[in-house]
């Protein structure tokens, strides 16, 4: 699993396409499934919570819902 602190700030880019959002969600699930329990630190949980929140909001938008409603 990639250490979230090693990535640093991400550059602003164009919004992802529907396919990219879905592909990213699937990749995230695979990475979570492949993360050994001994790597599940508090930092890891915090990182994946934020990733899951952002991905869920993106998927809700794709389905036509406002995640902030």
Protein backbone atom coordinates (compact mmCIF):
# COMPACT_ATOMS: atom_id res chain seq x y z
CA UNK A 1 0.00 0.00 0.00
CA UNK A 2 1.24 3.47 -0.86
CA UNK A 3 2.06 5.73 2.07
CA UNK A 4 -0.24 8.78 1.79
CA UNK A 5 2.47 11.06 3.20
CA UNK A 6 4.83 10.17 0.35
CA UNK A 7 2.47 11.44 -2.34
CA UNK A 8 2.48 15.08 -1.27
CA UNK A 9 0.08 17.64 -2.72
CA UNK A 10 -1.72 16.59 -5.86
CA UNK A 11 -1.89 19.06 -8.77
CA UNK A 12 -5.26 20.44 -9.81
CA UNK A 13 -6.56 18.67 -12.91
CA UNK A 14 -9.67 18.40 -15.05
CA UNK A 15 -12.62 16.55 -13.52
CA UNK A 16 -12.41 12.79 -13.93
CA UNK A 17 -14.67 11.05 -16.40
CA UNK A 18 -17.34 8.63 -15.18
CA UNK A 19 -15.15 5.71 -16.25
CA UNK A 20 -12.13 7.10 -14.39
CA UNK A 21 -14.19 7.55 -11.21
CA UNK A 22 -15.46 3.97 -11.38
CA UNK A 23 -12.00 2.62 -12.19
CA UNK A 24 -10.56 4.59 -9.25
CA UNK A 25 -13.22 3.18 -6.88
CA UNK A 26 -12.42 -0.36 -7.99
CA UNK A 27 -8.69 0.24 -7.59
CA UNK A 28 -9.25 1.62 -4.08
CA UNK A 29 -11.23 -1.48 -3.10
CA UNK A 30 -8.49 -3.76 -4.46
CA UNK A 31 -5.82 -1.81 -2.55
CA UNK A 32 -7.84 -2.05 0.66
CA UNK A 33 -8.36 -5.79 0.14
CA UNK A 34 -4.62 -6.24 -0.45
CA UNK A 35 -3.53 -4.29 2.64
CA UNK A 36 -2.23 -6.64 5.35
CA UNK A 37 -3.72 -6.13 8.84
CA UNK A 38 -0.32 -5.15 10.27
CA UNK A 39 -0.32 -2.10 7.96
CA UNK A 40 -3.72 -0.91 9.22
CA UNK A 41 -2.40 1.91 11.39
CA UNK A 42 -4.35 4.96 12.57
CA UNK A 43 -2.82 6.95 9.68
CA UNK A 44 -3.89 4.24 7.26
CA UNK A 45 -7.48 4.34 8.56
CA UNK A 46 -7.57 8.13 8.34
CA UNK A 47 -6.27 8.07 4.77
CA UNK A 48 -8.70 5.39 3.61
CA UNK A 49 -11.64 7.09 5.34
CA UNK A 50 -10.92 10.27 3.37
CA UNK A 51 -10.47 8.30 0.14
CA UNK A 52 -13.71 6.39 0.72
CA UNK A 53 -15.60 9.62 1.48
CA UNK A 54 -14.37 11.33 -1.70
CA UNK A 55 -15.04 8.26 -3.85
CA UNK A 56 -18.54 7.77 -2.43
CA UNK A 57 -19.36 11.43 -3.14
CA UNK A 58 -18.08 11.06 -6.73
CA UNK A 59 -20.15 7.91 -7.25
CA UNK A 60 -23.27 9.61 -5.82
CA UNK A 61 -22.78 12.51 -8.25
CA UNK A 62 -22.52 10.01 -11.11
CA UNK A 63 -25.87 8.57 -10.03
CA UNK A 64 -27.44 12.03 -10.08
CA UNK A 65 -27.50 12.70 -6.35
CA UNK A 66 -26.15 15.66 -4.44
CA UNK A 67 -23.91 14.21 -1.70
CA UNK A 68 -24.17 17.47 0.27
CA UNK A 69 -27.99 17.55 0.30
